[in-house]
Amino acid sequence: MVLDMKKKIMACLVAAIVILCSLTHVRSDASNHRYKEGDDVPLYANKVGPFHNPSETYRYFDLPFCSPAHMQEKKEALGEVLNGDRLVVAPYNLEFLKDKESEIVCKKKLKQEEVSQFRAAVSKDYYFQMYYDDLPLWGLLEDKEVDVEFTYSVKWKDTEIPFEKRMEKYSQISSLPHHLEIHWFSIINSCVTVLLLTGFLATILMRVLKNDFVKYTHDEEAADDQEETGWKYIHGDVFRYPKYKSLFAAALGSGTQLFTLAIFIFLLALVGVFYPYNRGALFTALVVIYALTSGIAGYTAASFYCQLEGQNWVRNLLFTGSLFCGPLFLTFCFLNTVAIAYSSTAALPFGTIVVIFLIWTLVTSPLLVLGGIAGKNSKAEFQAPCRTAKFPREIPSLPGYRKTLPQMAMAGFLPFSAIYIELYYIFASVWGHRIYTIYSILFIVFIILLVVTAFITVSLTYFQLAAEDHEWWWRSFLCGGSTGLFIYGYCLYYYHARSDMSGFMQTSFFFGYMACICYGFFLMLGVVSFRASLFFVRHIYRSIKCE
């Protein structure tokens, strides 16, 4: 049984180009995609791999297609390499012939082992990807008993679609939701439900606080020696610095940097930088912006650490620099080794690794240190409205549902429910072949996530203080960050129920990099929740008389 390349691979190529590759005004210059009659239009072969394992990709000519005598690779940007793209010049000249068809036929006699390679590719549902005039093309392979003949053809025709909008067809033929209105409706329904729950919770909390303020004011006027109860009773301990304050400050610094990174990425997305198949733009932006915002991490961590009367600020900076990068680096080393063992294009070349190392050495680390020095010299003081007692009060025995883990579960569920619907589309884009372009919806969901996380953590912090448990610092951070754990739990569900991914490499890439992403969410949302709780705690203790 021999693979039929003429009817399978090249039919898809013809169909895609007929639909997508159209120019009305031409000029001989491939850099601006304008050509004149008879000009060669560049065709690049990129990669092949199992359709359901998007991380498991290989070079196009790892399969025995008609290959050029001398392989000429296209110079790629950092983000393209990180994305696993390995473009090479295809040995086929497809000319620009207006209203005519240009065709290349390449016949090749396959050896028995080459036939086996194609059959193995068919059994694993391989797809291939090319770029013609910088537009992506795909095919899937089938298995039939025919002679092998590689045919590459293209037909050009006039169109009214302007050049800058030619990528919109990809959004239409991709597996985006076919009914965008349903997507909007489901997101709005989810957001309204969560906002209503949050509003009810905020209303109840404000009413309880109002009663507390009235009660404490009445107690002060009635009898100064009356025993205090509730959250006012622990005013001498509520601003006692947390345990492991160096690690706590480092977590705040790393989380603040990741929050800043997310904001910049959203701004770039909303202005249209990440249009469909702008190869590697997202990865390049992530690397560059993370490097440039490392000063924010250093400043935040060192400033807060000094406010907590910390002395070893150098160790604090080491914590800050390695808290997120350390696990990410270890994960990358393992997964890159797996990709090398599979001979996959997902394995980064040595030169790219050197470039990333130089960015970390020459940009990230110096900015982290400079930010740390600026934070140490800022002379900011921790603003505590109450004096801290010399000895801490004993925390009363609390029921099981008021412990840390149950509180984290309660705090993470509501924010996760706000983003649950959108997660499917994001996963299908990142770990599949769908195109995601509706960043406005994603930004709205992100804002809802921040608001809900802040409100639910503030509420739980109040109930914790009302139970006379003054160790709220780490608790508020962990409760806010617990949404990241829920997202990772969704990864397990998505892998087994919503995807067809398989194999050790794809499984390792999915769970390895998603663990890093969810850990980043944990740090980022932990910062949001702690800052909201700190603002809340300062506010309520300023509103009463504490002696």
Protein backbone atom coordinates (compact mmCIF):
# COMPACT_ATOMS: atom_id res chain seq x y z
CA MET A 1 0.00 0.00 0.00
CA VAL A 2 1.53 3.32 -1.05
CA LEU A 3 0.61 6.84 -0.02
CA ASP A 4 -1.28 8.97 -2.54
CA MET A 5 0.27 12.41 -2.23
CA LYS A 6 -1.37 13.88 -5.33
CA LYS A 7 -4.96 13.64 -4.15
CA LYS A 8 -4.31 14.19 -0.48
CA ILE A 9 -1.56 16.65 0.33
CA MET A 10 -1.59 18.75 -2.81
CA ALA A 11 -5.37 18.96 -3.15
CA CYS A 12 -5.42 20.67 0.22
CA LEU A 13 -2.60 22.95 -0.91
CA VAL A 14 -4.50 23.97 -4.03
CA ALA A 15 -7.74 24.57 -2.14
CA ALA A 16 -6.11 26.71 0.51
CA ILE A 17 -4.18 28.84 -1.95
CA VAL A 18 -7.18 29.35 -4.23
CA ILE A 19 -9.09 30.77 -1.30
CA LEU A 20 -6.38 32.73 0.43
CA CYS A 21 -3.64 33.89 -1.95
CA SER A 22 -5.03 36.77 -3.98
CA LEU A 23 -3.43 40.07 -5.04
CA THR A 24 -4.77 42.77 -7.34
CA HIS A 25 -1.93 45.31 -7.43
CA VAL A 26 1.45 43.73 -7.97
CA ARG A 27 5.06 44.80 -7.80
CA SER A 28 8.12 42.57 -7.86
CA ASP A 29 9.07 42.45 -4.18
CA ALA A 30 8.49 39.42 -1.94
CA SER A 31 9.13 41.48 1.22
CA ASN A 32 5.86 43.40 0.77
CA HIS A 33 3.97 40.54 -0.91
CA ARG A 34 3.63 42.33 -4.25
CA TYR A 35 4.59 40.54 -7.47
CA LYS A 36 4.40 40.95 -11.20
CA GLU A 37 3.54 38.37 -13.83
CA GLY A 38 5.93 35.42 -13.80
CA ASP A 39 7.62 36.19 -10.47
CA ASP A 40 8.40 33.32 -8.13
CA VAL A 41 6.40 33.46 -4.90
CA PRO A 42 8.33 32.04 -1.91
CA LEU A 43 7.15 28.67 -0.60
CA TYR A 44 8.51 27.44 2.74
CA ALA A 45 8.09 23.99 4.24
CA ASN A 46 7.73 24.14 8.02
CA LYS A 47 6.91 21.05 10.04
CA VAL A 48 4.93 17.82 10.36
CA GLY A 49 3.54 15.99 13.37
CA PRO A 50 0.57 14.17 14.94
CA PHE A 51 -2.50 16.37 14.60
CA HIS A 52 -3.65 15.84 18.18
CA ASN A 53 -0.18 16.42 19.68
CA PRO A 54 0.61 20.05 18.78
CA SER A 55 3.87 20.08 20.74
CA GLU A 56 5.22 16.97 19.01
CA THR A 57 6.43 18.45 15.75
CA TYR A 58 9.23 17.46 13.38
CA ARG A 59 10.97 18.99 10.42
CA TYR A 60 9.03 18.76 7.17
CA PHE A 61 11.72 16.82 5.34
CA ASP A 62 12.02 14.24 8.11
CA LEU A 63 9.42 12.52 5.94
CA PRO A 64 10.72 11.44 2.50
CA PHE A 65 9.18 14.19 0.40
CA CYS A 66 11.03 15.48 -2.65
CA SER A 67 13.81 17.37 -0.89
CA PRO A 68 16.21 20.03 -2.21
CA ALA A 69 19.83 19.20 -2.94
CA HIS A 70 20.95 21.92 -0.50
CA MET A 71 18.73 22.71 2.47
CA GLN A 72 18.30 26.49 2.87
CA GLU A 73 16.75 27.55 6.18
CA LYS A 74 14.79 30.75 6.58
CA LYS A 75 16.12 33.13 9.22
CA GLU A 76 13.61 33.13 12.08
CA ALA A 77 12.85 35.37 15.02
CA LEU A 78 13.21 34.22 18.63
CA GLY A 79 9.48 33.71 19.06
CA GLU A 80 9.26 31.53 15.93
CA VAL A 81 11.99 29.24 17.25
CA LEU A 82 10.27 29.02 20.63
CA ASN A 83 7.07 28.09 18.78
CA GLY A 84 8.81 25.14 17.14
CA ASP A 85 8.85 26.64 13.62
CA ARG A 86 11.72 25.49 11.37
CA LEU A 87 11.07 26.99 7.93
CA VAL A 88 13.17 25.85 4.97
CA VAL A 89 12.97 26.91 1.33
CA ALA A 90 10.93 24.32 -0.58
CA PRO A 91 12.44 23.10 -3.88
CA TYR A 92 9.35 24.08 -5.86
CA ASN A 93 8.94 27.24 -7.95
CA LEU A 94 5.30 28.33 -8.08
CA GLU A 95 5.06 31.47 -10.20
CA PHE A 96 2.56 34.29 -9.96
CA LEU A 97 0.34 33.84 -13.02
CA LYS A 98 -2.80 35.93 -12.81
CA ASP A 99 -5.99 33.99 -13.60
CA LYS A 100 -3.85 30.95 -14.48
CA GLU A 101 -2.71 27.84 -12.67
CA SER A 102 0.94 27.17 -11.87
CA GLU A 103 1.80 23.53 -11.21
CA ILE A 104 4.88 21.57 -10.22
CA VAL A 105 5.00 17.76 -10.37
CA CYS A 106 7.71 15.87 -8.52
CA LYS A 107 7.90 12.13 -8.98
CA LYS A 108 9.89 10.04 -6.57
CA LYS A 109 10.39 6.32 -6.22
CA LEU A 110 10.01 5.43 -2.59
CA LYS A 111 12.09 2.77 -0.93
CA GLN A 112 10.40 0.25 1.31
CA GLU A 113 11.50 2.02 4.50
CA GLU A 114 10.25 5.34 3.12
CA VAL A 115 6.86 3.81 2.42
CA SER A 116 6.84 2.59 6.01
CA GLN A 117 7.56 6.13 7.19
CA PHE A 118 4.54 7.48 5.36
CA ARG A 119 2.34 4.67 6.59
CA ALA A 120 3.44 5.36 10.16
CA ALA A 121 2.63 9.04 9.63
CA VAL A 122 -0.83 8.13 8.34
CA SER A 123 -1.50 5.86 11.31
CA LYS A 124 -0.62 8.69 13.70
CA ASP A 125 -2.81 11.19 11.80
CA TYR A 126 0.06 13.45 10.78
CA TYR A 127 -0.50 16.94 9.43
CA PHE A 128 1.97 19.12 7.56
CA GLN A 129 2.38 22.88 7.45
CA MET A 130 3.80 25.13 4.74
CA TYR A 131 3.90 28.89 4.20
CA TYR A 132 3.17 30.30 0.74
CA ASP A 133 3.44 34.07 0.43
CA ASP A 134 3.73 33.99 4.26
CA LEU A 135 0.31 32.35 4.63
CA PRO A 136 0.03 29.01 6.48
CA LEU A 137 -1.23 25.90 4.69
CA TRP A 138 -2.12 22.51 6.17
CA GLY A 139 -3.15 19.00 5.01
CA LEU A 140 -3.94 15.65 6.54
CA LEU A 141 -2.75 12.44 5.14
CA GLU A 142 -4.69 9.35 4.08
CA ASP A 143 -3.60 5.82 3.13
CA LYS A 144 -4.52 4.35 -0.28
CA GLU A 145 -2.96 2.01 -2.84
CA VAL A 146 -1.75 4.40 -5.57
CA ASP A 147 1.53 5.44 -7.09
CA VAL A 148 3.34 8.28 -5.37
CA GLU A 149 3.29 11.58 -7.21
CA PHE A 150 3.94 14.91 -5.47
CA THR A 151 1.96 17.69 -7.12
CA TYR A 152 2.13 21.32 -6.06
CA SER A 153 -0.18 23.77 -7.77
CA VAL A 154 -1.69 27.20 -7.22
CA LYS A 155 -4.27 29.30 -9.01
CA TRP A 156 -4.48 33.06 -8.59
CA LYS A 157 -7.61 35.14 -9.07
CA ASP A 158 -8.82 38.68 -8.38
CA THR A 159 -10.50 39.52 -5.09
CA GLU A 160 -12.03 42.56 -3.43
CA ILE A 161 -10.49 41.68 -0.05
CA PRO A 162 -7.74 44.18 0.88
CA PHE A 163 -4.30 42.81 1.67
CA GLU A 164 -4.38 43.75 5.36
CA LYS A 165 -7.57 41.69 5.89
CA ARG A 166 -6.51 38.52 4.12
CA MET A 167 -5.96 36.70 7.43
CA GLU A 168 -9.63 37.06 8.38
CA LYS A 169 -10.45 34.00 6.28
CA TYR A 170 -8.36 31.93 8.65
CA SER A 171 -10.55 32.98 11.54
CA GLN A 172 -13.64 32.04 9.56
CA ILE A 173 -12.41 28.59 8.52
CA SER A 174 -10.70 27.82 11.83
CA SER A 175 -12.45 26.05 14.64
CA LEU A 176 -13.41 29.19 16.47
CA PRO A 177 -16.99 29.03 17.83
CA HIS A 178 -19.20 28.90 14.77
CA HIS A 179 -21.74 31.00 16.61
CA LEU A 180 -19.95 33.90 18.22
CA GLU A 181 -23.20 35.12 19.72
CA ILE A 182 -23.45 31.93 21.78
CA HIS A 183 -19.92 32.51 23.03
CA TRP A 184 -20.73 36.06 24.07
CA PHE A 185 -23.97 34.98 25.69
CA SER A 186 -22.34 32.24 27.74
CA ILE A 187 -19.55 34.54 28.91
CA ILE A 188 -21.94 37.35 29.82
CA ASN A 189 -24.22 34.91 31.63
CA SER A 190 -21.30 33.53 33.63
CA CYS A 191 -19.95 36.98 34.47
CA VAL A 192 -23.34 38.33 35.53
CA THR A 193 -23.92 35.34 37.79
CA VAL A 194 -20.53 35.72 39.45
CA LEU A 195 -20.91 39.47 39.80
CA LEU A 196 -24.31 39.05 41.44
CA LEU A 197 -22.88 36.56 43.92
CA THR A 198 -19.98 38.89 44.60
CA GLY A 199 -22.33 41.83 45.01
CA PHE A 200 -24.47 39.97 47.52
CA LEU A 201 -21.37 38.94 49.43
CA ALA A 202 -20.04 42.50 49.45
CA THR A 203 -23.40 43.86 50.63
CA ILE A 204 -23.58 41.39 53.49
CA LEU A 205 -19.99 42.12 54.46
CA MET A 206 -20.56 45.88 54.48
CA ARG A 207 -23.67 45.48 56.62
CA VAL A 208 -21.83 43.27 59.12
CA LEU A 209 -18.96 45.75 59.26
CA LYS A 210 -21.35 48.61 59.88
CA ASN A 211 -22.86 46.73 62.81
CA ASP A 212 -19.36 46.03 64.13
CA PHE A 213 -18.41 49.70 63.99
CA VAL A 214 -21.58 50.69 65.84
CA LYS A 215 -21.01 47.98 68.45
CA TYR A 216 -17.38 48.91 69.08
CA THR A 217 -18.20 52.61 69.29
CA HIS A 218 -20.98 51.86 71.82
CA ASP A 219 -18.63 49.67 73.86
CA GLU A 220 -16.04 52.45 74.04
CA GLU A 221 -18.61 54.95 75.30
CA ALA A 222 -20.20 52.53 77.77
CA ALA A 223 -17.23 51.01 79.54
CA ASP A 224 -13.57 51.29 78.69
CA ASP A 225 -12.70 48.20 80.74
CA GLN A 226 -15.23 45.98 78.97
CA GLU A 227 -13.67 42.89 77.43
CA GLU A 228 -13.26 43.17 73.69
CA THR A 229 -14.31 40.39 71.36
CA GLY A 230 -14.10 39.73 67.63
CA TRP A 231 -11.61 41.27 65.28
CA LYS A 232 -11.03 44.31 67.49
CA TYR A 233 -9.73 42.00 70.23
CA ILE A 234 -6.64 41.10 68.13
CA HIS A 235 -5.66 44.64 67.09
CA GLY A 236 -2.30 44.16 68.78
CA ASP A 237 -1.45 41.13 66.63
CA VAL A 238 -3.10 41.70 63.29
CA PHE A 239 -0.11 43.65 61.93
CA ARG A 240 2.48 41.29 63.32
CA TYR A 241 4.88 40.45 60.50
CA PRO A 242 4.37 37.02 58.88
CA LYS A 243 6.65 34.04 59.19
CA TYR A 244 9.23 33.58 56.44
CA LYS A 245 8.95 37.24 55.53
CA SER A 246 11.80 37.04 53.01
CA LEU A 247 9.96 34.36 51.04
CA PHE A 248 6.71 36.28 51.42
CA ALA A 249 8.25 39.47 50.01
CA ALA A 250 9.81 37.48 47.16
CA ALA A 251 6.40 36.00 46.30
CA LEU A 252 4.93 39.51 46.23
CA GLY A 253 7.71 40.71 43.95
CA SER A 254 7.40 37.80 41.50
CA GLY A 255 3.62 37.99 41.48
CA THR A 256 3.68 41.73 40.83
CA GLN A 257 6.03 41.21 37.88
CA LEU A 258 3.76 38.55 36.40
CA PHE A 259 0.72 40.79 36.88
CA THR A 260 2.53 43.59 35.02
CA LEU A 261 3.49 41.13 32.29
CA ALA A 262 -0.16 40.07 31.89
CA ILE A 263 -1.31 43.69 31.59
CA PHE A 264 1.24 44.46 28.87
CA ILE A 265 0.34 41.29 26.95
CA PHE A 266 -3.34 42.26 27.05
CA LEU A 267 -2.53 45.77 25.79
CA LEU A 268 -0.59 44.34 22.85
CA ALA A 269 -3.39 41.89 22.12
CA LEU A 270 -6.08 44.56 22.18
CA VAL A 271 -4.19 46.78 19.71
CA GLY A 272 -3.90 43.85 17.28
CA VAL A 273 -0.27 42.75 17.62
CA PHE A 274 -1.17 39.06 18.00
CA TYR A 275 -3.15 38.65 14.81
CA PRO A 276 -3.61 35.07 13.52
CA TYR A 277 -0.35 33.41 12.58
CA ASN A 278 1.90 36.32 13.38
CA ARG A 279 4.51 33.66 13.93
CA GLY A 280 6.21 33.79 17.31
CA ALA A 281 4.97 37.28 18.25
CA LEU A 282 3.47 36.11 21.55
CA PHE A 283 6.56 34.17 22.63
CA THR A 284 8.85 37.04 21.72
CA ALA A 285 6.69 39.47 23.69
CA LEU A 286 6.64 37.17 26.72
CA VAL A 287 10.44 36.84 26.80
CA VAL A 288 11.18 40.52 26.19
CA ILE A 289 8.54 41.95 28.53
CA TYR A 290 9.41 39.51 31.32
CA ALA A 291 13.06 40.54 31.05
CA LEU A 292 12.24 44.26 31.08
CA THR A 293 9.85 44.02 34.04
CA SER A 294 12.27 42.19 36.33
CA GLY A 295 13.12 45.55 37.90
CA ILE A 296 9.54 45.74 39.15
CA ALA A 297 9.98 42.41 40.92
CA GLY A 298 13.21 43.54 42.54
CA TYR A 299 11.81 46.87 43.68
CA THR A 300 8.56 45.42 45.07
CA ALA A 301 10.26 42.58 46.93
CA ALA A 302 13.09 44.63 48.42
CA SER A 303 10.84 47.54 49.38
CA PHE A 304 8.31 45.34 51.15
CA TYR A 305 11.04 43.25 52.77
CA CYS A 306 12.63 46.37 54.23
CA GLN A 307 9.20 47.54 55.44
CA LEU A 308 8.99 44.27 57.35
CA GLU A 309 12.36 45.16 58.97
CA GLY A 310 14.24 42.52 57.01
CA GLN A 311 18.02 42.74 57.00
CA ASN A 312 19.35 40.28 54.39
CA TRP A 313 17.98 41.94 51.27
CA VAL A 314 20.51 40.20 49.01
CA ARG A 315 19.08 36.81 49.93
CA ASN A 316 15.64 38.25 49.35
CA LEU A 317 16.62 39.23 45.80
CA LEU A 318 17.92 35.70 45.18
CA PHE A 319 14.57 34.35 46.33
CA THR A 320 12.77 36.79 44.06
CA GLY A 321 14.85 35.99 40.99
CA SER A 322 14.53 32.23 41.36
CA LEU A 323 11.00 31.85 42.72
CA PHE A 324 9.41 31.64 39.28
CA CYS A 325 12.40 31.28 36.97
CA GLY A 326 13.81 28.37 38.98
CA PRO A 327 10.87 25.95 38.48
CA LEU A 328 10.47 27.18 34.89
CA PHE A 329 14.15 26.50 34.15
CA LEU A 330 14.03 22.99 35.63
CA THR A 331 10.86 22.22 33.69
CA PHE A 332 12.41 23.51 30.47
CA CYS A 333 15.57 21.41 30.95
CA PHE A 334 13.52 18.25 31.34
CA LEU A 335 11.12 18.95 28.47
CA ASN A 336 13.87 20.10 26.11
CA THR A 337 15.73 16.86 26.81
CA VAL A 338 12.56 14.92 25.95
CA ALA A 339 12.17 16.91 22.72
CA ILE A 340 15.82 16.21 21.79
CA ALA A 341 15.25 12.50 22.38
CA TYR A 342 12.26 12.66 20.01
CA SER A 343 14.24 14.76 17.45
CA SER A 344 11.38 17.24 17.57
CA THR A 345 11.44 20.85 16.41
CA ALA A 346 10.17 21.72 19.88
CA ALA A 347 13.76 21.25 21.06
CA LEU A 348 15.47 24.64 21.12
CA PRO A 349 18.71 24.95 19.17
CA PHE A 350 21.86 25.67 21.15
CA GLY A 351 22.08 29.18 19.69
CA THR A 352 18.59 30.07 20.90
CA ILE A 353 19.40 28.78 24.38
CA VAL A 354 22.50 31.00 24.39
CA VAL A 355 20.39 34.01 23.35
CA ILE A 356 17.90 33.41 26.18
CA PHE A 357 20.75 32.95 28.65
CA LEU A 358 22.32 36.24 27.52
CA ILE A 359 18.96 38.01 27.91
CA TRP A 360 18.70 36.65 31.44
CA THR A 361 22.32 37.54 32.25
CA LEU A 362 22.53 40.97 30.63
CA VAL A 363 18.97 42.25 31.06
CA THR A 364 16.90 40.34 33.60
CA SER A 365 19.47 39.99 36.38
CA PRO A 366 20.87 43.58 36.23
CA LEU A 367 17.36 45.07 36.24
CA LEU A 368 16.40 42.83 39.16
CA VAL A 369 19.40 44.05 41.16
CA LEU A 370 18.83 47.69 40.24
CA GLY A 371 15.18 47.40 41.24
CA GLY A 372 16.21 45.77 44.51
CA ILE A 373 18.66 48.56 45.30
CA ALA A 374 16.01 51.18 44.52
CA GLY A 375 13.51 49.35 46.73
CA LYS A 376 15.98 49.07 49.61
CA ASN A 377 16.77 52.78 49.42
CA SER A 378 13.14 53.88 49.10
CA LYS A 379 12.89 54.19 52.91
CA ALA A 380 9.19 53.30 52.75
CA GLU A 381 7.58 52.43 56.08
CA PHE A 382 4.90 49.87 56.74
CA GLN A 383 1.72 51.79 57.58
CA ALA A 384 0.08 50.02 60.51
CA PRO A 385 -2.76 51.90 62.23
CA CYS A 386 -2.33 49.81 65.40
CA ARG A 387 0.68 49.14 67.57
CA THR A 388 1.81 45.53 67.67
CA ALA A 389 1.91 43.85 71.08
CA LYS A 390 5.17 42.45 72.37
CA PHE A 391 3.89 38.88 72.69
CA PRO A 392 1.40 37.24 70.29
CA ARG A 393 -2.00 36.10 71.52
CA GLU A 394 -2.89 32.46 71.33
CA ILE A 395 -5.18 31.63 68.44
CA PRO A 396 -8.36 29.89 69.62
CA SER A 397 -9.20 26.40 68.40
CA LEU A 398 -11.09 26.63 65.13
CA PRO A 399 -13.36 24.12 63.36
CA GLY A 400 -11.97 22.18 60.40
CA TYR A 401 -13.68 24.24 57.71
CA ARG A 402 -11.82 27.33 58.95
CA LYS A 403 -8.41 25.75 58.34
CA THR A 404 -6.17 26.82 55.48
CA LEU A 405 -6.96 24.11 52.92
CA PRO A 406 -10.78 24.34 53.16
CA GLN A 407 -10.54 28.11 52.96
CA MET A 408 -8.34 27.83 49.85
CA ALA A 409 -10.92 25.54 48.24
CA MET A 410 -13.69 28.02 48.99
CA ALA A 411 -11.66 30.97 47.76
CA GLY A 412 -10.58 29.34 44.48
CA PHE A 413 -13.90 27.93 43.35
CA LEU A 414 -15.79 31.18 42.71
CA PRO A 415 -13.05 32.89 40.64
CA PHE A 416 -12.52 29.66 38.71
CA SER A 417 -16.23 29.51 37.88
CA ALA A 418 -15.90 32.98 36.34
CA ILE A 419 -13.29 31.82 33.83
CA TYR A 420 -14.34 28.20 33.33
CA ILE A 421 -16.14 28.75 30.02
CA GLU A 422 -13.31 30.75 28.48
CA LEU A 423 -10.69 28.21 29.52
CA TYR A 424 -11.90 25.71 26.92
CA TYR A 425 -11.34 28.14 24.04
CA ILE A 426 -7.93 29.15 25.36
CA PHE A 427 -6.83 25.53 25.77
CA ALA A 428 -8.14 24.64 22.32
CA SER A 429 -6.03 27.44 20.88
CA VAL A 430 -2.84 26.92 22.88
CA TRP A 431 -2.94 23.11 22.81
CA GLY A 432 -4.77 22.65 19.53
CA HIS A 433 -5.16 24.19 16.11
CA ARG A 434 -7.88 26.71 16.79
CA ILE A 435 -7.35 30.42 16.25
CA TYR A 436 -8.15 32.76 19.13
CA THR A 437 -8.80 36.39 18.20
CA ILE A 438 -11.52 37.65 20.57
CA TYR A 439 -9.17 39.24 23.08
CA SER A 440 -11.83 41.71 24.19
CA ILE A 441 -13.79 38.85 25.78
CA LEU A 442 -10.64 37.49 27.36
CA PHE A 443 -9.78 40.88 28.85
CA ILE A 444 -13.27 41.22 30.34
CA VAL A 445 -12.96 37.77 31.87
CA PHE A 446 -9.55 38.68 33.27
CA ILE A 447 -10.95 41.80 34.97
CA ILE A 448 -13.81 39.75 36.41
CA LEU A 449 -11.27 37.23 37.69
CA LEU A 450 -9.33 39.95 39.52
CA VAL A 451 -12.45 41.50 41.04
CA VAL A 452 -13.92 38.21 42.23
CA THR A 453 -10.58 37.05 43.65
CA ALA A 454 -10.19 40.28 45.62
CA PHE A 455 -13.76 40.21 47.01
CA ILE A 456 -13.80 36.58 48.06
CA THR A 457 -10.40 36.86 49.76
CA VAL A 458 -11.39 40.01 51.64
CA SER A 459 -14.54 38.27 52.87
CA LEU A 460 -12.62 35.25 54.08
CA THR A 461 -10.05 37.50 55.74
CA TYR A 462 -12.82 39.25 57.67
CA PHE A 463 -14.27 35.95 58.88
CA GLN A 464 -10.78 34.83 59.89
CA LEU A 465 -10.19 37.98 61.93
CA ALA A 466 -13.68 37.76 63.44
CA ALA A 467 -12.70 34.30 64.70
CA GLU A 468 -9.68 35.99 66.37
CA ASP A 469 -7.15 34.33 64.06
CA HIS A 470 -4.57 37.03 63.36
CA GLU A 471 -2.32 35.02 60.98
CA TRP A 472 -4.00 36.33 57.85
CA TRP A 473 -0.96 37.31 55.78
CA TRP A 474 -0.07 33.98 54.20
CA ARG A 475 -3.70 32.83 54.35
CA SER A 476 -4.87 35.68 52.11
CA PHE A 477 -2.07 35.03 49.62
CA LEU A 478 -2.77 31.30 49.47
CA CYS A 479 -6.53 31.76 49.18
CA GLY A 480 -6.20 34.11 46.24
CA GLY A 481 -3.63 31.95 44.51
CA SER A 482 -5.67 28.78 44.91
CA THR A 483 -7.46 29.54 41.62
CA GLY A 484 -4.24 28.43 39.94
CA LEU A 485 -4.71 25.00 41.52
CA PHE A 486 -8.25 24.82 40.14
CA ILE A 487 -6.93 25.66 36.68
CA TYR A 488 -4.43 22.82 36.92
CA GLY A 489 -7.24 20.53 37.97
CA TYR A 490 -9.04 21.61 34.80
CA CYS A 491 -5.93 20.54 32.88
CA LEU A 492 -6.51 16.97 34.04
CA TYR A 493 -10.12 17.14 32.89
CA TYR A 494 -9.24 18.71 29.53
CA TYR A 495 -6.53 16.17 28.78
CA HIS A 496 -8.69 13.13 29.45
CA ALA A 497 -12.13 14.38 28.36
CA ARG A 498 -11.72 17.16 25.80
CA SER A 499 -8.58 16.30 23.84
CA ASP A 500 -6.99 13.41 21.95
CA MET A 501 -3.42 14.10 23.07
CA SER A 502 -1.28 11.05 23.70
CA GLY A 503 2.33 9.93 23.98
CA PHE A 504 5.00 10.69 26.55
CA MET A 505 6.32 13.83 24.87
CA GLN A 506 2.97 15.56 24.39
CA THR A 507 1.80 14.58 27.87
CA SER A 508 5.04 15.88 29.39
CA PHE A 509 4.81 19.18 27.51
CA PHE A 510 1.16 19.69 28.40
CA PHE A 511 1.38 19.01 32.12
CA GLY A 512 4.88 20.44 32.50
CA TYR A 513 4.28 23.84 30.94
CA MET A 514 0.74 24.08 32.30
CA ALA A 515 2.19 23.54 35.78
CA CYS A 516 4.43 26.58 35.21
CA ILE A 517 1.53 28.65 33.86
CA CYS A 518 -0.75 27.71 36.78
CA TYR A 519 2.09 28.46 39.22
CA GLY A 520 2.37 31.90 37.61
CA PHE A 521 -1.37 32.41 38.11
CA PHE A 522 -0.94 31.32 41.72
CA LEU A 523 1.69 34.04 42.35
CA MET A 524 -0.16 36.73 40.39
CA LEU A 525 -3.57 36.19 41.99
CA GLY A 526 -1.92 35.76 45.40
CA VAL A 527 -0.56 39.29 45.10
CA VAL A 528 -3.96 40.64 44.08
CA SER A 529 -5.70 38.98 47.01
CA PHE A 530 -3.09 40.02 49.58
CA ARG A 531 -3.06 43.63 48.44
CA ALA A 532 -6.87 43.74 48.62
CA SER A 533 -6.84 42.16 52.10
CA LEU A 534 -4.11 44.52 53.32
CA PHE A 535 -6.13 47.53 52.14
CA PHE A 536 -9.22 46.14 53.85
CA VAL A 537 -7.50 45.36 57.16
CA ARG A 538 -5.87 48.78 57.32
CA HIS A 539 -9.21 50.42 56.62
CA ILE A 540 -11.21 48.66 59.32
CA TYR A 541 -8.58 49.17 62.02
CA ARG A 542 -8.26 52.85 61.18
CA SER A 543 -12.01 53.17 61.66
CA ILE A 544 -11.97 52.16 65.33
CA LYS A 545 -10.14 53.34 68.41
CA CYS A 546 -7.36 50.90 69.29
CA GLU A 547 -5.19 51.30 72.39
